[in-house]
Amino acid sequence: MHITYRSRQFLRALFFSGICVAASFLIGIQSAGEVQPIALIEAGSVSQSGDLTGDGGVDVQDVIQILEVVQGYAQATPDQLKADPNGDGSFTIDDALRILRTLP
């Protein structure tokens, strides 16, 4: 079997892209375990549990807000913390999943 130069380049690129995908996956798994929940700063009653955006409804935008806080891209405001979906006083991936399960 004769492998041409172009075939070798393709196989090399395929091999290295596979390594990159596997490494990204492993790094993602490691960082997912290091996520710490955000503690509740101020608690109070809210009109709707899970409404982090304050628009009066619970939707995908609220899930995005929770994930941004969990990953450390944003800080939760006291009003957002009042809308903790499961009322345990912290934002976690479980809060985002709880909202996603209720969406139509």
PDB file of N, CA and C in Angstrom:
ATOM      1  N   MET A   1       0.839  -1.173   0.000  1.00  0.00           N
ATOM      2  CA  MET A   1       0.000   0.000   0.000  1.00  0.00           C
ATOM      3  C   MET A   1       0.888   1.242   0.000  1.00  0.00           C
ATOM      4  N   HIS A   2       0.651   2.107  -0.936  1.00  0.00           N
ATOM      5  CA  HIS A   2       1.451   3.322  -1.083  1.00  0.00           C
ATOM      6  C   HIS A   2       0.683   4.507  -0.509  1.00  0.00           C
ATOM      7  N   ILE A   3       1.279   5.194   0.454  1.00  0.00           N
ATOM      8  CA  ILE A   3       0.643   6.361   1.062  1.00  0.00           C
ATOM      9  C   ILE A   3       1.296   7.606   0.474  1.00  0.00           C
ATOM     10  N   THR A   4       0.493   8.458  -0.102  1.00  0.00           N
ATOM     11  CA  THR A   4       1.012   9.671  -0.712  1.00  0.00           C
ATOM     12  C   THR A   4       1.295  10.712   0.354  1.00  0.00           C
ATOM     13  N   TYR A   5       2.012  11.741  -0.053  1.00  0.00           N
ATOM     14  CA  TYR A   5       2.343  12.831   0.861  1.00  0.00           C
ATOM     15  C   TYR A   5       1.084  13.487   1.400  1.00  0.00           C
ATOM     16  N   ARG A   6       0.088  13.697   0.539  1.00  0.00           N
ATOM     17  CA  ARG A   6      -1.173  14.307   0.962  1.00  0.00           C
ATOM     18  C   ARG A   6      -1.919  13.428   1.961  1.00  0.00           C
ATOM     19  N   SER A   7      -1.875  12.132   1.757  1.00  0.00           N
ATOM     20  CA  SER A   7      -2.522  11.200   2.681  1.00  0.00           C
ATOM     21  C   SER A   7      -1.851  11.253   4.046  1.00  0.00           C
ATOM     22  N   ARG A   8      -0.528  11.330   4.047  1.00  0.00           N
ATOM     23  CA  ARG A   8       0.197  11.434   5.322  1.00  0.00           C
ATOM     24  C   ARG A   8      -0.149  12.723   6.047  1.00  0.00           C
ATOM     25  N   GLN A   9      -0.253  13.803   5.301  1.00  0.00           N
ATOM     26  CA  GLN A   9      -0.635  15.081   5.922  1.00  0.00           C
ATOM     27  C   GLN A   9      -2.026  14.981   6.530  1.00  0.00           C
ATOM     28  N   PHE A  10      -2.949  14.370   5.801  1.00  0.00           N
ATOM     29  CA  PHE A  10      -4.313  14.210   6.297  1.00  0.00           C
ATOM     30  C   PHE A  10      -4.333  13.354   7.559  1.00  0.00           C
ATOM     31  N   LEU A  11      -3.617  12.238   7.531  1.00  0.00           N
ATOM     32  CA  LEU A  11      -3.583  11.355   8.703  1.00  0.00           C
ATOM     33  C   LEU A  11      -2.952  12.055   9.905  1.00  0.00           C
ATOM     34  N   ARG A  12      -1.907  12.818   9.674  1.00  0.00           N
ATOM     35  CA  ARG A  12      -1.245  13.558  10.749  1.00  0.00           C
ATOM     36  C   ARG A  12      -2.202  14.601  11.337  1.00  0.00           C
ATOM     37  N   ALA A  13      -2.904  15.332  10.481  1.00  0.00           N
ATOM     38  CA  ALA A  13      -3.863  16.330  10.952  1.00  0.00           C
ATOM     39  C   ALA A  13      -5.001  15.669  11.718  1.00  0.00           C
ATOM     40  N   LEU A  14      -5.468  14.535  11.230  1.00  0.00           N
ATOM     41  CA  LEU A  14      -6.537  13.797  11.903  1.00  0.00           C
ATOM     42  C   LEU A  14      -6.078  13.316  13.276  1.00  0.00           C
ATOM     43  N   PHE A  15      -4.863  12.819  13.365  1.00  0.00           N
ATOM     44  CA  PHE A  15      -4.305  12.344  14.626  1.00  0.00           C
ATOM     45  C   PHE A  15      -4.208  13.482  15.640  1.00  0.00           C
ATOM     46  N   PHE A  16      -3.638  14.607  15.230  1.00  0.00           N
ATOM     47  CA  PHE A  16      -3.467  15.728  16.155  1.00  0.00           C
ATOM     48  C   PHE A  16      -4.794  16.365  16.542  1.00  0.00           C
ATOM     49  N   SER A  17      -5.748  16.393  15.625  1.00  0.00           N
ATOM     50  CA  SER A  17      -7.056  16.937  15.991  1.00  0.00           C
ATOM     51  C   SER A  17      -7.740  16.022  17.002  1.00  0.00           C
ATOM     52  N   GLY A  18      -7.568  14.721  16.869  1.00  0.00           N
ATOM     53  CA  GLY A  18      -8.112  13.772  17.847  1.00  0.00           C
ATOM     54  C   GLY A  18      -7.497  13.979  19.219  1.00  0.00           C
ATOM     55  N   ILE A  19      -6.204  14.228  19.262  1.00  0.00           N
ATOM     56  CA  ILE A  19      -5.534  14.494  20.537  1.00  0.00           C
ATOM     57  C   ILE A  19      -6.073  15.786  21.150  1.00  0.00           C
ATOM     58  N   CYS A  20      -6.276  16.813  20.333  1.00  0.00           N
ATOM     59  CA  CYS A  20      -6.806  18.082  20.838  1.00  0.00           C
ATOM     60  C   CYS A  20      -8.208  17.923  21.409  1.00  0.00           C
ATOM     61  N   VAL A  21      -9.044  17.171  20.733  1.00  0.00           N
ATOM     62  CA  VAL A  21     -10.407  16.940  21.213  1.00  0.00           C
ATOM     63  C   VAL A  21     -10.379  16.180  22.532  1.00  0.00           C
ATOM     64  N   ALA A  22      -9.563  15.132  22.596  1.00  0.00           N
ATOM     65  CA  ALA A  22      -9.472  14.332  23.826  1.00  0.00           C
ATOM     66  C   ALA A  22      -8.934  15.181  24.982  1.00  0.00           C
ATOM     67  N   ALA A  23      -7.910  15.996  24.728  1.00  0.00           N
ATOM     68  CA  ALA A  23      -7.349  16.843  25.784  1.00  0.00           C
ATOM     69  C   ALA A  23      -8.359  17.879  26.255  1.00  0.00           C
ATOM     70  N   SER A  24      -9.100  18.472  25.336  1.00  0.00           N
ATOM     71  CA  SER A  24     -10.123  19.451  25.709  1.00  0.00           C
ATOM     72  C   SER A  24     -11.196  18.806  26.567  1.00  0.00           C
ATOM     73  N   PHE A  25     -11.586  17.596  26.212  1.00  0.00           N
ATOM     74  CA  PHE A  25     -12.593  16.869  26.976  1.00  0.00           C
ATOM     75  C   PHE A  25     -12.086  16.595  28.386  1.00  0.00           C
ATOM     76  N   LEU A  26     -10.843  16.136  28.504  1.00  0.00           N
ATOM     77  CA  LEU A  26     -10.287  15.837  29.825  1.00  0.00           C
ATOM     78  C   LEU A  26     -10.140  17.084  30.674  1.00  0.00           C
ATOM     79  N   ILE A  27      -9.725  18.185  30.069  1.00  0.00           N
ATOM     80  CA  ILE A  27      -9.597  19.440  30.808  1.00  0.00           C
ATOM     81  C   ILE A  27     -10.973  19.900  31.275  1.00  0.00           C
ATOM     82  N   GLY A  28     -11.974  19.759  30.426  1.00  0.00           N
ATOM     83  CA  GLY A  28     -13.332  20.146  30.794  1.00  0.00           C
ATOM     84  C   GLY A  28     -13.859  19.337  31.962  1.00  0.00           C
ATOM     85  N   ILE A  29     -13.559  18.043  31.980  1.00  0.00           N
ATOM     86  CA  ILE A  29     -14.018  17.194  33.080  1.00  0.00           C
ATOM     87  C   ILE A  29     -13.326  17.614  34.375  1.00  0.00           C
ATOM     88  N   GLN A  30     -12.044  17.907  34.322  1.00  0.00           N
ATOM     89  CA  GLN A  30     -11.333  18.314  35.526  1.00  0.00           C
ATOM     90  C   GLN A  30     -11.870  19.626  36.060  1.00  0.00           C
ATOM     91  N   SER A  31     -12.104  20.601  35.199  1.00  0.00           N
ATOM     92  CA  SER A  31     -12.568  21.896  35.684  1.00  0.00           C
ATOM     93  C   SER A  31     -14.004  21.829  36.169  1.00  0.00           C
ATOM     94  N   ALA A  32     -14.817  20.915  35.615  1.00  0.00           N
ATOM     95  CA  ALA A  32     -16.202  20.801  36.059  1.00  0.00           C
ATOM     96  C   ALA A  32     -16.263  20.339  37.513  1.00  0.00           C
ATOM     97  N   GLY A  33     -15.316  19.537  37.942  1.00  0.00           N
ATOM     98  CA  GLY A  33     -15.292  19.084  39.322  1.00  0.00           C
ATOM     99  C   GLY A  33     -14.821  20.148  40.295  1.00  0.00           C
ATOM    100  N   GLU A  34     -14.171  21.185  39.789  1.00  0.00           N
ATOM    101  CA  GLU A  34     -13.622  22.222  40.642  1.00  0.00           C
ATOM    102  C   GLU A  34     -14.581  23.383  40.865  1.00  0.00           C
ATOM    103  N   VAL A  35     -15.769  23.329  40.286  1.00  0.00           N
ATOM    104  CA  VAL A  35     -16.727  24.417  40.402  1.00  0.00           C
ATOM    105  C   VAL A  35     -17.278  24.451  41.823  1.00  0.00           C
ATOM    106  N   GLN A  36     -17.216  25.613  42.427  1.00  0.00           N
ATOM    107  CA  GLN A  36     -17.725  25.791  43.783  1.00  0.00           C
ATOM    108  C   GLN A  36     -19.050  26.521  43.736  1.00  0.00           C
ATOM    109  N   PRO A  37     -20.026  26.130  44.566  1.00  0.00           N
ATOM    110  CA  PRO A  37     -21.304  26.851  44.586  1.00  0.00           C
ATOM    111  C   PRO A  37     -21.140  28.242  45.173  1.00  0.00           C
ATOM    112  N   ILE A  38     -21.998  29.141  44.763  1.00  0.00           N
ATOM    113  CA  ILE A  38     -21.992  30.506  45.263  1.00  0.00           C
ATOM    114  C   ILE A  38     -22.892  30.564  46.492  1.00  0.00           C
ATOM    115  N   ALA A  39     -22.361  31.070  47.584  1.00  0.00           N
ATOM    116  CA  ALA A  39     -23.140  31.143  48.815  1.00  0.00           C
ATOM    117  C   ALA A  39     -24.201  32.238  48.721  1.00  0.00           C
ATOM    118  N   LEU A  40     -25.280  32.038  49.416  1.00  0.00           N
ATOM    119  CA  LEU A  40     -26.372  32.999  49.444  1.00  0.00           C
ATOM    120  C   LEU A  40     -25.954  34.200  50.290  1.00  0.00           C
ATOM    121  N   ILE A  41     -26.027  35.396  49.699  1.00  0.00           N
ATOM    122  CA  ILE A  41     -25.648  36.612  50.414  1.00  0.00           C
ATOM    123  C   ILE A  41     -26.832  37.151  51.191  1.00  0.00           C
ATOM    124  N   GLU A  42     -27.924  37.351  50.509  1.00  0.00           N
ATOM    125  CA  GLU A  42     -29.137  37.862  51.139  1.00  0.00           C
ATOM    126  C   GLU A  42     -30.302  37.033  50.656  1.00  0.00           C
ATOM    127  N   ALA A  43     -31.119  36.585  51.576  1.00  0.00           N
ATOM    128  CA  ALA A  43     -32.270  35.773  51.181  1.00  0.00           C
ATOM    129  C   ALA A  43     -33.543  36.560  51.393  1.00  0.00           C
ATOM    130  N   GLY A  44     -34.490  36.269  50.587  1.00  0.00           N
ATOM    131  CA  GLY A  44     -35.786  36.909  50.720  1.00  0.00           C
ATOM    132  C   GLY A  44     -36.751  36.248  49.766  1.00  0.00           C
ATOM    133  N   SER A  45     -37.972  36.629  49.797  1.00  0.00           N
ATOM    134  CA  SER A  45     -38.936  36.015  48.893  1.00  0.00           C
ATOM    135  C   SER A  45     -38.873  36.695  47.535  1.00  0.00           C
ATOM    136  N   VAL A  46     -39.123  35.921  46.509  1.00  0.00           N
ATOM    137  CA  VAL A  46     -39.140  36.442  45.142  1.00  0.00           C
ATOM    138  C   VAL A  46     -40.473  36.080  44.520  1.00  0.00           C
ATOM    139  N   SER A  47     -40.832  36.826  43.486  1.00  0.00           N
ATOM    140  CA  SER A  47     -42.108  36.549  42.843  1.00  0.00           C
ATOM    141  C   SER A  47     -42.077  35.213  42.110  1.00  0.00           C
ATOM    142  N   GLN A  48     -40.944  34.832  41.525  1.00  0.00           N
ATOM    143  CA  GLN A  48     -40.859  33.565  40.810  1.00  0.00           C
ATOM    144  C   GLN A  48     -39.476  32.953  40.992  1.00  0.00           C
ATOM    145  N   SER A  49     -39.437  31.773  41.546  1.00  0.00           N
ATOM    146  CA  SER A  49     -38.181  31.061  41.742  1.00  0.00           C
ATOM    147  C   SER A  49     -37.554  30.746  40.386  1.00  0.00           C
ATOM    148  N   GLY A  50     -36.268  31.023  40.241  1.00  0.00           N
ATOM    149  CA  GLY A  50     -35.559  30.747  38.998  1.00  0.00           C
ATOM    150  C   GLY A  50     -35.492  31.904  38.026  1.00  0.00           C
ATOM    151  N   ASP A  51     -36.186  33.017  38.320  1.00  0.00           N
ATOM    152  CA  ASP A  51     -36.172  34.177  37.418  1.00  0.00           C
ATOM    153  C   ASP A  51     -34.990  35.071  37.753  1.00  0.00           C
ATOM    154  N   LEU A  52     -33.803  34.706  37.286  1.00  0.00           N
ATOM    155  CA  LEU A  52     -32.600  35.475  37.563  1.00  0.00           C
ATOM    156  C   LEU A  52     -32.531  36.764  36.757  1.00  0.00           C
ATOM    157  N   THR A  53     -33.132  36.784  35.580  1.00  0.00           N
ATOM    158  CA  THR A  53     -33.068  37.972  34.735  1.00  0.00           C
ATOM    159  C   THR A  53     -34.051  39.039  35.174  1.00  0.00           C
ATOM    160  N   GLY A  54     -35.036  38.660  35.995  1.00  0.00           N
ATOM    161  CA  GLY A  54     -36.009  39.627  36.480  1.00  0.00           C
ATOM    162  C   GLY A  54     -37.042  40.051  35.459  1.00  0.00           C
ATOM    163  N   ASP A  55     -37.227  39.257  34.407  1.00  0.00           N
ATOM    164  CA  ASP A  55     -38.183  39.630  33.363  1.00  0.00           C
ATOM    165  C   ASP A  55     -39.584  39.067  33.612  1.00  0.00           C
ATOM    166  N   GLY A  56     -39.783  38.441  34.763  1.00  0.00           N
ATOM    167  CA  GLY A  56     -41.105  37.941  35.102  1.00  0.00           C
ATOM    168  C   GLY A  56     -41.392  36.522  34.668  1.00  0.00           C
ATOM    169  N   GLY A  57     -40.452  35.889  34.003  1.00  0.00           N
ATOM    170  CA  GLY A  57     -40.635  34.509  33.557  1.00  0.00           C
ATOM    171  C   GLY A  57     -39.345  33.728  33.687  1.00  0.00           C
ATOM    172  N   VAL A  58     -39.458  32.421  33.653  1.00  0.00           N
ATOM    173  CA  VAL A  58     -38.288  31.554  33.731  1.00  0.00           C
ATOM    174  C   VAL A  58     -38.070  30.946  32.355  1.00  0.00           C
ATOM    175  N   ASP A  59     -36.860  31.182  31.801  1.00  0.00           N
ATOM    176  CA  ASP A  59     -36.557  30.681  30.463  1.00  0.00           C
ATOM    177  C   ASP A  59     -35.077  30.334  30.350  1.00  0.00           C
ATOM    178  N   VAL A  60     -34.614  30.081  29.145  1.00  0.00           N
ATOM    179  CA  VAL A  60     -33.235  29.674  28.895  1.00  0.00           C
ATOM    180  C   VAL A  60     -32.250  30.768  29.324  1.00  0.00           C
ATOM    181  N   GLN A  61     -32.641  32.026  29.243  1.00  0.00           N
ATOM    182  CA  GLN A  61     -31.755  33.106  29.660  1.00  0.00           C
ATOM    183  C   GLN A  61     -31.410  32.992  31.149  1.00  0.00           C
ATOM    184  N   ASP A  62     -32.348  32.529  31.951  1.00  0.00           N
ATOM    185  CA  ASP A  62     -32.081  32.322  33.372  1.00  0.00           C
ATOM    186  C   ASP A  62     -31.075  31.193  33.578  1.00  0.00           C
ATOM    187  N   VAL A  63     -31.191  30.148  32.777  1.00  0.00           N
ATOM    188  CA  VAL A  63     -30.237  29.040  32.839  1.00  0.00           C
ATOM    189  C   VAL A  63     -28.838  29.532  32.479  1.00  0.00           C
ATOM    190  N   ILE A  64     -28.756  30.352  31.449  1.00  0.00           N
ATOM    191  CA  ILE A  64     -27.458  30.898  31.031  1.00  0.00           C
ATOM    192  C   ILE A  64     -26.853  31.736  32.152  1.00  0.00           C
ATOM    193  N   GLN A  65     -27.678  32.534  32.823  1.00  0.00           N
ATOM    194  CA  GLN A  65     -27.194  33.344  33.953  1.00  0.00           C
ATOM    195  C   GLN A  65     -26.620  32.453  35.055  1.00  0.00           C
ATOM    196  N   ILE A  66     -27.318  31.373  35.380  1.00  0.00           N
ATOM    197  CA  ILE A  66     -26.838  30.458  36.425  1.00  0.00           C
ATOM    198  C   ILE A  66     -25.500  29.851  36.017  1.00  0.00           C
ATOM    199  N   LEU A  67     -25.397  29.392  34.775  1.00  0.00           N
ATOM    200  CA  LEU A  67     -24.159  28.762  34.316  1.00  0.00           C
ATOM    201  C   LEU A  67     -22.997  29.752  34.291  1.00  0.00           C
ATOM    202  N   GLU A  68     -23.265  31.003  33.952  1.00  0.00           N
ATOM    203  CA  GLU A  68     -22.209  32.019  33.976  1.00  0.00           C
ATOM    204  C   GLU A  68     -21.711  32.255  35.397  1.00  0.00           C
ATOM    205  N   VAL A  69     -22.610  32.246  36.359  1.00  0.00           N
ATOM    206  CA  VAL A  69     -22.214  32.425  37.758  1.00  0.00           C
ATOM    207  C   VAL A  69     -21.445  31.202  38.249  1.00  0.00           C
ATOM    208  N   VAL A  70     -21.944  30.011  37.930  1.00  0.00           N
ATOM    209  CA  VAL A  70     -21.292  28.782  38.377  1.00  0.00           C
ATOM    210  C   VAL A  70     -19.873  28.683  37.825  1.00  0.00           C
ATOM    211  N   GLN A  71     -19.679  29.064  36.567  1.00  0.00           N
ATOM    212  CA  GLN A  71     -18.358  28.982  35.945  1.00  0.00           C
ATOM    213  C   GLN A  71     -17.445  30.142  36.327  1.00  0.00           C
ATOM    214  N   GLY A  72     -17.977  31.147  37.005  1.00  0.00           N
ATOM    215  CA  GLY A  72     -17.144  32.265  37.441  1.00  0.00           C
ATOM    216  C   GLY A  72     -17.044  33.392  36.435  1.00  0.00           C
ATOM    217  N   TYR A  73     -17.845  33.372  35.370  1.00  0.00           N
ATOM    218  CA  TYR A  73     -17.819  34.434  34.381  1.00  0.00           C
ATOM    219  C   TYR A  73     -18.574  35.669  34.856  1.00  0.00           C
ATOM    220  N   ALA A  74     -19.451  35.499  35.830  1.00  0.00           N
ATOM    221  CA  ALA A  74     -20.234  36.614  36.363  1.00  0.00           C
ATOM    222  C   ALA A  74     -20.447  36.384  37.847  1.00  0.00           C
ATOM    223  N   GLN A  75     -20.756  37.473  38.554  1.00  0.00           N
ATOM    224  CA  GLN A  75     -21.073  37.365  39.973  1.00  0.00           C
ATOM    225  C   GLN A  75     -22.566  37.549  40.151  1.00  0.00           C
ATOM    226  N   ALA A  76     -23.121  36.755  41.034  1.00  0.00           N
ATOM    227  CA  ALA A  76     -24.554  36.847  41.292  1.00  0.00           C
ATOM    228  C   ALA A  76     -24.859  38.069  42.137  1.00  0.00           C
ATOM    229  N   THR A  77     -25.907  38.763  41.769  1.00  0.00           N
ATOM    230  CA  THR A  77     -26.367  39.895  42.576  1.00  0.00           C
ATOM    231  C   THR A  77     -27.249  39.352  43.704  1.00  0.00           C
ATOM    232  N   PRO A  78     -27.468  40.153  44.740  1.00  0.00           N
ATOM    233  CA  PRO A  78     -28.366  39.698  45.810  1.00  0.00           C
ATOM    234  C   PRO A  78     -29.762  39.341  45.300  1.00  0.00           C
ATOM    235  N   ASP A  79     -30.266  40.095  44.324  1.00  0.00           N
ATOM    236  CA  ASP A  79     -31.586  39.776  43.759  1.00  0.00           C
ATOM    237  C   ASP A  79     -31.574  38.439  43.033  1.00  0.00           C
ATOM    238  N   GLN A  80     -30.494  38.142  42.321  1.00  0.00           N
ATOM    239  CA  GLN A  80     -30.404  36.859  41.638  1.00  0.00           C
ATOM    240  C   GLN A  80     -30.338  35.717  42.648  1.00  0.00           C
ATOM    241  N   LEU A  81     -29.607  35.921  43.715  1.00  0.00           N
ATOM    242  CA  LEU A  81     -29.504  34.882  44.739  1.00  0.00           C
ATOM    243  C   LEU A  81     -30.844  34.607  45.414  1.00  0.00           C
ATOM    244  N   LYS A  82     -31.696  35.610  45.448  1.00  0.00           N
ATOM    245  CA  LYS A  82     -33.036  35.407  46.012  1.00  0.00           C
ATOM    246  C   LYS A  82     -33.867  34.468  45.140  1.00  0.00           C
ATOM    247  N   ALA A  83     -33.516  34.358  43.866  1.00  0.00           N
ATOM    248  CA  ALA A  83     -34.273  33.531  42.927  1.00  0.00           C
ATOM    249  C   ALA A  83     -33.701  32.114  42.791  1.00  0.00           C
ATOM    250  N   ASP A  84     -32.922  31.680  43.774  1.00  0.00           N
ATOM    251  CA  ASP A  84     -32.331  30.347  43.745  1.00  0.00           C
ATOM    252  C   ASP A  84     -33.412  29.300  43.479  1.00  0.00           C
ATOM    253  N   PRO A  85     -33.327  28.553  42.363  1.00  0.00           N
ATOM    254  CA  PRO A  85     -34.406  27.637  41.979  1.00  0.00           C
ATOM    255  C   PRO A  85     -34.763  26.568  43.006  1.00  0.00           C
ATOM    256  N   ASN A  86     -33.773  25.990  43.689  1.00  0.00           N
ATOM    257  CA  ASN A  86     -34.120  24.945  44.652  1.00  0.00           C
ATOM    258  C   ASN A  86     -34.069  25.434  46.097  1.00  0.00           C
ATOM    259  N   GLY A  87     -33.764  26.713  46.304  1.00  0.00           N
ATOM    260  CA  GLY A  87     -33.815  27.306  47.633  1.00  0.00           C
ATOM    261  C   GLY A  87     -32.763  26.823  48.599  1.00  0.00           C
ATOM    262  N   ASP A  88     -31.657  26.238  48.091  1.00  0.00           N
ATOM    263  CA  ASP A  88     -30.634  25.740  49.009  1.00  0.00           C
ATOM    264  C   ASP A  88     -29.565  26.779  49.333  1.00  0.00           C
ATOM    265  N   GLY A  89     -29.687  27.975  48.758  1.00  0.00           N
ATOM    266  CA  GLY A  89     -28.758  29.045  49.083  1.00  0.00           C
ATOM    267  C   GLY A  89     -27.507  29.100  48.239  1.00  0.00           C
ATOM    268  N   SER A  90     -27.453  28.338  47.149  1.00  0.00           N
ATOM    269  CA  SER A  90     -26.283  28.393  46.268  1.00  0.00           C
ATOM    270  C   SER A  90     -26.697  28.050  44.841  1.00  0.00           C
ATOM    271  N   PHE A  91     -25.898  28.538  43.890  1.00  0.00           N
ATOM    272  CA  PHE A  91     -26.122  28.209  42.483  1.00  0.00           C
ATOM    273  C   PHE A  91     -25.214  27.057  42.097  1.00  0.00           C
ATOM    274  N   THR A  92     -25.794  26.030  41.524  1.00  0.00           N
ATOM    275  CA  THR A  92     -25.040  24.880  41.043  1.00  0.00           C
ATOM    276  C   THR A  92     -25.616  24.450  39.690  1.00  0.00           C
ATOM    277  N   ILE A  93     -24.971  23.488  39.090  1.00  0.00           N
ATOM    278  CA  ILE A  93     -25.456  22.925  37.832  1.00  0.00           C
ATOM    279  C   ILE A  93     -26.861  22.353  38.029  1.00  0.00           C
ATOM    280  N   ASP A  94     -27.128  21.822  39.211  1.00  0.00           N
ATOM    281  CA  ASP A  94     -28.454  21.250  39.489  1.00  0.00           C
ATOM    282  C   ASP A  94     -29.555  22.301  39.349  1.00  0.00           C
ATOM    283  N   ASP A  95     -29.257  23.554  39.718  1.00  0.00           N
ATOM    284  CA  ASP A  95     -30.253  24.618  39.561  1.00  0.00           C
ATOM    285  C   ASP A  95     -30.585  24.833  38.089  1.00  0.00           C
ATOM    286  N   ALA A  96     -29.552  24.831  37.249  1.00  0.00           N
ATOM    287  CA  ALA A  96     -29.775  25.007  35.812  1.00  0.00           C
ATOM    288  C   ALA A  96     -30.574  23.838  35.242  1.00  0.00           C
ATOM    289  N   LEU A  97     -30.235  22.622  35.661  1.00  0.00           N
ATOM    290  CA  LEU A  97     -30.983  21.455  35.178  1.00  0.00           C
ATOM    291  C   LEU A  97     -32.429  21.472  35.655  1.00  0.00           C
ATOM    292  N   ARG A  98     -32.649  21.937  36.868  1.00  0.00           N
ATOM    293  CA  ARG A  98     -34.021  22.023  37.409  1.00  0.00           C
ATOM    294  C   ARG A  98     -34.880  22.932  36.519  1.00  0.00           C
ATOM    295  N   ILE A  99     -34.324  24.066  36.107  1.00  0.00           N
ATOM    296  CA  ILE A  99     -35.064  24.978  35.235  1.00  0.00           C
ATOM    297  C   ILE A  99     -35.289  24.344  33.868  1.00  0.00           C
ATOM    298  N   LEU A 100     -34.239  23.739  33.304  1.00  0.00           N
ATOM    299  CA  LEU A 100     -34.361  23.132  31.966  1.00  0.00           C
ATOM    300  C   LEU A 100     -35.448  22.056  31.930  1.00  0.00           C
ATOM    301  N   ARG A 101     -35.600  21.316  33.034  1.00  0.00           N
ATOM    302  CA  ARG A 101     -36.623  20.257  33.065  1.00  0.00           C
ATOM    303  C   ARG A 101     -38.034  20.841  33.041  1.00  0.00           C
ATOM    304  N   THR A 102     -38.200  22.072  33.502  1.00  0.00           N
ATOM    305  CA  THR A 102     -39.538  22.662  33.553  1.00  0.00           C
ATOM    306  C   THR A 102     -39.917  23.427  32.288  1.00  0.00           C
ATOM    307  N   LEU A 103     -38.942  23.683  31.421  1.00  0.00           N
ATOM    308  CA  LEU A 103     -39.227  24.440  30.199  1.00  0.00           C
ATOM    309  C   LEU A 103     -39.995  23.586  29.193  1.00  0.00           C
ATOM    310  N   PRO A 104     -40.900  24.227  28.447  1.00  0.00           N
ATOM    311  CA  PRO A 104     -41.654  23.465  27.427  1.00  0.00           C
ATOM    312  C   PRO A 104     -40.787  23.097  26.240  1.00  0.00           C
TER     313      PRO A 104
END
